[in-house]
């Protein structure tokens, strides 16, 4: 009887040991100070020092913050919308080129207390900008190298042909007034032949510049375009003047 009791007690103790061992294996082990469980993100002080109130641990993001390089919904990076659609006082372009040129002139007129609004003629400026648009975008240009520079046959149809005559003949006079080269324009069927050559044919640098600029570059030479636009809008140019 006594022997049976001892065996029973021993079995009970052994079973309890197995149960305790299983529970211990499934429960978190005691950790040393500073030790982290596997996969745990460090909290609290970082190697850089103690965190300030509201500071996030290194590598942890604020709510709503995107990982570096991530794009917000819609695929446009922050600031890209403002680049395409400037807001507030940072806007510098109010539309396409002719629209912006008109807006600039209007702002200048409105800022000048001496503006005589009874003489202002913005429609005349608009027609001039149409001429510029026709010449720049719709004219055909055939350029040929000549001794000392370049000869350009600029032609078009309809309004473009009219605009070529209206712009290039006066513009050749502006080019001819510059120190480095001489220029002349002569009518040809459906357009104008513009010839620009270095005043010194031996000046290889100027000859190369003329040819490098070509028609488009020579068209924008001179600082008269802005003042000319303003004078047209103010009604200060002769009625026959269209350039």
Protein backbone atom coordinates (compact mmCIF):
# COMPACT_ATOMS: atom_id res chain seq x y z
CA UNK A 1 0.00 0.00 0.00
CA UNK A 2 2.74 2.39 0.96
CA UNK A 3 4.68 1.43 -2.16
CA UNK A 4 1.67 2.22 -4.38
CA UNK A 5 1.25 5.64 -2.76
CA UNK A 6 4.88 6.53 -3.41
CA UNK A 7 4.58 5.52 -7.10
CA UNK A 8 1.41 7.60 -7.48
CA UNK A 9 3.00 10.66 -5.92
CA UNK A 10 6.06 10.31 -8.14
CA UNK A 11 3.93 10.10 -11.27
CA UNK A 12 2.01 13.21 -10.26
CA UNK A 13 5.21 15.18 -9.66
CA UNK A 14 6.66 14.07 -13.00
CA UNK A 15 3.46 15.08 -14.87
CA UNK A 16 3.42 18.48 -13.22
CA UNK A 17 7.02 19.02 -14.29
CA UNK A 18 6.16 18.25 -17.93
CA UNK A 19 3.18 20.65 -17.85
CA UNK A 20 5.26 23.43 -16.30
CA UNK A 21 7.97 22.92 -18.89
CA UNK A 22 5.51 23.31 -21.75
CA UNK A 23 4.04 26.46 -20.28
CA UNK A 24 7.53 27.90 -19.75
CA UNK A 25 8.50 27.16 -23.35
CA UNK A 26 5.42 29.04 -24.64
CA UNK A 27 5.74 32.05 -22.33
CA UNK A 28 8.17 34.97 -22.92
CA UNK A 29 11.55 34.31 -21.42
CA UNK A 30 12.93 36.78 -18.99
CA UNK A 31 15.14 39.35 -20.77
CA UNK A 32 18.12 41.28 -19.59
CA UNK A 33 17.83 45.07 -19.43
CA UNK A 34 18.05 46.50 -22.97
CA UNK A 35 17.45 43.07 -24.59
CA UNK A 36 14.69 42.93 -27.27
CA UNK A 37 12.53 40.09 -28.45
CA UNK A 38 13.14 38.83 -31.98
CA UNK A 39 11.34 41.13 -34.51
CA UNK A 40 10.64 43.85 -31.93
CA UNK A 41 11.10 47.49 -33.09
CA UNK A 42 13.22 49.49 -30.65
CA UNK A 43 11.31 52.01 -28.59
CA UNK A 44 12.39 54.90 -26.41
CA UNK A 45 15.91 56.29 -26.46
CA UNK A 46 17.93 55.74 -29.63
CA UNK A 47 21.69 55.71 -30.12
CA UNK A 48 21.41 59.38 -30.95
CA UNK A 49 20.16 60.13 -27.43
CA UNK A 50 16.85 60.35 -25.60
CA UNK A 51 13.79 61.21 -27.66
CA UNK A 52 12.02 64.52 -27.26
CA UNK A 53 8.27 64.64 -26.60
CA UNK A 54 6.43 63.77 -29.83
CA UNK A 55 9.59 62.39 -31.49
CA UNK A 56 9.20 59.13 -33.40
CA UNK A 57 11.75 56.34 -33.08
CA UNK A 58 14.25 56.10 -35.90
CA UNK A 59 12.74 54.32 -38.91
CA UNK A 60 9.15 54.85 -37.71
CA UNK A 61 6.90 57.11 -39.82
CA UNK A 62 4.33 59.65 -38.71
CA UNK A 63 0.69 58.81 -39.50
CA UNK A 64 0.04 59.65 -43.16
CA UNK A 65 3.76 59.91 -43.97
CA UNK A 66 4.91 58.14 -47.16
CA UNK A 67 8.11 56.13 -47.46
CA UNK A 68 10.94 57.90 -49.35
CA UNK A 69 10.34 57.78 -53.11
CA UNK A 70 6.66 56.85 -52.76
CA UNK A 71 4.15 58.74 -54.91
CA UNK A 72 0.82 59.96 -53.52
CA UNK A 73 -2.47 58.76 -54.95
CA UNK A 74 -2.77 60.03 -58.51
CA UNK A 75 0.93 59.60 -59.28
CA UNK A 76 2.01 63.24 -58.92
CA UNK A 77 4.80 64.12 -56.53
CA UNK A 78 4.25 66.91 -53.96
CA UNK A 79 4.81 70.27 -55.63
CA UNK A 80 4.25 68.96 -59.15
CA UNK A 81 0.68 70.29 -59.25
CA UNK A 82 1.93 73.74 -58.28
CA UNK A 83 4.57 73.53 -61.03
CA UNK A 84 1.93 72.85 -63.66
CA UNK A 85 -0.67 75.18 -62.15
CA UNK A 86 1.12 77.98 -60.23
CA UNK A 87 -0.89 79.50 -57.43
CA UNK A 88 -0.86 82.93 -55.88
CA UNK A 89 1.86 85.52 -56.46
CA UNK A 90 4.32 82.99 -57.87
CA UNK A 91 2.52 82.74 -61.23
CA UNK A 92 4.51 84.26 -64.10
CA UNK A 93 2.76 82.87 -67.19
CA UNK A 94 -0.94 83.64 -67.61
CA UNK A 95 -1.45 81.57 -70.74
CA UNK A 96 0.10 81.09 -74.17
CA UNK A 97 2.65 83.57 -75.50
CA UNK A 98 0.31 86.11 -77.09
CA UNK A 99 -1.99 86.06 -74.06
CA UNK A 100 0.93 86.63 -71.70
CA UNK A 101 2.28 89.48 -73.83
CA UNK A 102 -1.12 91.17 -73.78
CA UNK A 103 -1.43 90.69 -70.03
CA UNK A 104 2.00 92.20 -69.45
CA UNK A 105 1.11 95.29 -71.48
CA UNK A 106 -2.24 95.68 -69.69
CA UNK A 107 -0.53 95.48 -66.28
CA UNK A 108 1.96 98.15 -67.41
CA UNK A 109 -0.80 100.44 -68.66
CA UNK A 110 -2.85 100.05 -65.48
CA UNK A 111 0.18 100.73 -63.27
CA UNK A 112 0.96 103.99 -65.10
CA UNK A 113 -1.22 106.91 -63.90
CA UNK A 114 -0.30 108.82 -67.06
CA UNK A 115 -1.92 106.25 -69.37
CA UNK A 116 -4.27 107.96 -71.81
CA UNK A 117 -7.00 105.33 -72.10
CA UNK A 118 -8.68 107.26 -74.91
CA UNK A 119 -5.71 106.34 -77.15
CA UNK A 120 -5.15 102.76 -75.98
CA UNK A 121 -5.60 100.25 -78.82
CA UNK A 122 -5.09 96.70 -77.59
CA UNK A 123 -6.74 95.26 -80.70
CA UNK A 124 -3.88 96.65 -82.75
CA UNK A 125 -1.42 94.88 -80.50
CA UNK A 126 -3.44 91.67 -80.82
CA UNK A 127 -3.21 91.85 -84.62
CA UNK A 128 0.55 92.34 -84.38
CA UNK A 129 0.84 89.29 -82.12
CA UNK A 130 -1.13 87.30 -84.70
CA UNK A 131 1.42 88.39 -87.32
CA UNK A 132 4.22 87.20 -85.05
CA UNK A 133 2.48 83.88 -84.53
CA UNK A 134 2.01 83.37 -88.27
CA UNK A 135 5.66 84.13 -89.05
CA UNK A 136 7.15 82.08 -86.22
CA UNK A 137 4.90 79.02 -86.48
CA UNK A 138 3.53 78.86 -90.02
CA UNK A 139 6.08 80.39 -92.38
CA UNK A 140 8.35 78.14 -94.47
CA UNK A 141 12.03 79.04 -94.45
CA UNK A 142 14.67 78.00 -96.97
CA UNK A 143 18.11 79.13 -95.79
CA UNK A 144 21.17 79.23 -98.01
CA UNK A 145 24.70 80.14 -96.98
CA UNK A 146 26.11 83.12 -98.86
CA UNK A 147 29.55 84.76 -98.54
CA UNK A 148 29.65 86.39 -95.11
CA UNK A 149 26.32 85.13 -93.85
CA UNK A 150 22.90 83.75 -94.72
CA UNK A 151 20.08 84.25 -97.23
CA UNK A 152 16.59 83.14 -96.13
CA UNK A 153 13.52 82.79 -98.35
CA UNK A 154 10.55 83.10 -96.00
CA UNK A 155 7.23 82.22 -97.59
CA UNK A 156 3.66 81.36 -96.68
CA UNK A 157 0.04 81.43 -97.80
CA UNK A 158 -2.96 83.51 -96.79
CA UNK A 159 -2.48 85.43 -93.57
CA UNK A 160 1.05 84.03 -93.18
CA UNK A 161 2.19 85.68 -96.45
CA UNK A 162 0.75 89.02 -95.32
CA UNK A 163 2.38 88.69 -91.90
CA UNK A 164 5.78 87.90 -93.44
CA UNK A 165 5.71 91.17 -95.38
CA UNK A 166 4.39 93.11 -92.40
CA UNK A 167 7.13 91.88 -90.07
CA UNK A 168 10.29 91.09 -92.00
CA UNK A 169 10.69 94.23 -94.07
CA UNK A 170 10.66 96.51 -90.98
CA UNK A 171 12.66 93.97 -88.96
CA UNK A 172 15.44 93.95 -91.55
CA UNK A 173 15.92 97.66 -90.81
CA UNK A 174 16.34 96.82 -87.11
CA UNK A 175 18.93 94.17 -87.97
CA UNK A 176 20.75 96.51 -90.32
CA UNK A 177 21.17 99.00 -87.52
CA UNK A 178 23.31 96.57 -85.48
CA UNK A 179 27.07 96.92 -85.44
CA UNK A 180 28.13 93.38 -86.34
CA UNK A 181 26.11 92.78 -89.50
CA UNK A 182 24.08 94.33 -92.30
CA UNK A 183 20.65 93.16 -93.41
CA UNK A 184 18.18 93.73 -96.21
CA UNK A 185 14.79 92.32 -97.21
CA UNK A 186 13.34 92.05 -100.69
CA UNK A 187 9.89 90.80 -101.73
CA UNK A 188 9.60 87.42 -103.47
CA UNK A 189 6.45 85.50 -104.47
CA UNK A 190 4.44 84.67 -101.31
CA UNK A 191 7.04 86.14 -98.99
CA UNK A 192 10.33 87.91 -98.39
CA UNK A 193 14.01 87.12 -98.92
CA UNK A 194 16.00 88.21 -95.86
CA UNK A 195 19.78 88.48 -96.29
CA UNK A 196 22.06 89.03 -93.30
CA UNK A 197 25.86 89.21 -93.66
CA UNK A 198 28.75 90.24 -91.46
CA UNK A 199 29.97 93.78 -92.05
CA UNK A 200 33.44 92.30 -92.13
CA UNK A 201 33.28 89.14 -94.29
CA UNK A 202 36.61 88.05 -92.78
CA UNK A 203 35.07 88.03 -89.28
CA UNK A 204 34.61 84.26 -89.06
CA UNK A 205 33.05 84.45 -85.58
CA UNK A 206 30.26 86.79 -86.72
CA UNK A 207 29.66 84.78 -89.89
CA UNK A 208 29.30 81.61 -87.80
CA UNK A 209 26.98 83.42 -85.39
CA UNK A 210 24.65 84.56 -88.19
CA UNK A 211 24.46 81.05 -89.59
CA UNK A 212 24.03 79.51 -86.16
CA UNK A 213 21.19 81.87 -85.24
CA UNK A 214 19.37 81.20 -88.49
CA UNK A 215 15.99 82.73 -89.22
CA UNK A 216 14.46 82.15 -85.77
CA UNK A 217 17.46 83.53 -83.89
CA UNK A 218 17.78 86.59 -86.12
CA UNK A 219 14.05 87.26 -85.77
CA UNK A 220 14.39 87.82 -82.02
CA UNK A 221 17.48 90.02 -82.21
CA UNK A 222 17.21 93.52 -80.79
CA UNK A 223 15.60 94.88 -77.66
CA UNK A 224 12.79 96.68 -79.42
CA UNK A 225 10.02 94.07 -79.15
CA UNK A 226 8.76 94.90 -75.64
CA UNK A 227 8.78 98.71 -76.06
CA UNK A 228 7.27 98.25 -79.52
CA UNK A 229 4.35 96.26 -78.08
CA UNK A 230 3.71 98.94 -75.49
CA UNK A 231 3.85 101.71 -78.10
CA UNK A 232 1.34 99.87 -80.29
CA UNK A 233 -1.04 99.43 -77.34
CA UNK A 234 -0.72 103.12 -76.38
CA UNK A 235 -1.59 104.20 -79.93
CA UNK A 236 1.79 105.87 -80.35
CA UNK A 237 2.78 104.11 -83.61
CA UNK A 238 1.72 105.46 -87.04
CA UNK A 239 -1.44 103.84 -88.36
CA UNK A 240 0.40 102.35 -91.33
CA UNK A 241 2.95 100.66 -89.07
CA UNK A 242 2.16 96.98 -88.42
CA UNK A 243 5.51 95.56 -87.35
